[in-house]
Amino acid sequence: MGLPTDLRAVLLDIDGTLVDSNDAHAGAWQKALLEFGHDVSKSAIRDWIGKGGDRLLPELTGIAEASKEGRAISARRKELFRDHYLPKLRMFPRADELVVRMFDQGLLLAAATSATRSEVLALLKIAGVDDLIHVETTADDVSSSKPAPDVVNAALEMLRVPPERAVFIGDTPYDVEAGLRAGVPVIAVESGGWSGRDLKGAIEVYRDVEDLHERWDESFFGTGRMPAPRPRHGRMPRGAVPY
């Protein structure tokens, strides 16, 4: 068997999926918040990584990202991440090989992430796949970050692919919810720190992208079958995807 005949595109999360960067994001947020007098533990922040600052800041501190303080904290976090964390980041093993495999099979590829555009471009270079991604949709392109489906919907629109002909690969419950709310089946990886139990709703769960690459023939990609279409929802029912 080969690729599902109806499959046209793969949407990819980056942080925690292709690049080992979730802890770095949590560290940058923690330091930025502390500089502004907000002492939040890294472990508490870590649970919200995968959402954008528009959600993380108010949910952790009650500060709106669009407020004067929120903008200052977000700008400082961006500086800290760029200057102190980004240069040390590495891709997950065989992440580049998996993306090359998809590209070589003629699939359209999109990055769909809650990170900022400048961070996405840098992270794709770290993963060694910046020249293989057809489009990028980021927090800068939408009004609401994950778990809202906006970045997924934007990627589909840019690729001109309907949701039933795409699959989304991510590492957090917020990726799963965003994909399902857009009507796109989700393959999850545990490399971002979440377990399979936390990733309910995904059609498949793998240890990491290397595991998916090695088990390609027995995976969704090798079976030749698309999953049954799911109805699109305004929001997943509580309990369907853990928060």
Foldseek 3Di string as FASTA:
>chain_A
DFFAPLAAAEEEEQDLAFKPCLLLLLVLLQVLCVVVPHHDDSVVLSQVPQFALQPSCCVRPVDGCPDPSNVSSVVSSVVCCVPPPLVPIATDPCSLVLLVVCLVVNHAYEYQGAADPVVVCSSCVRSVCNVRHPYYFYVVNDDGTFLALVSVVVVCVVVVHQQQNYEYEEAALRSLFNSVLSQHAYEYEPSSPDDPVQNARHPYYYPGVVRCVVCVCVDNRNPNDRDDTDDHDSGDPPPRHDD
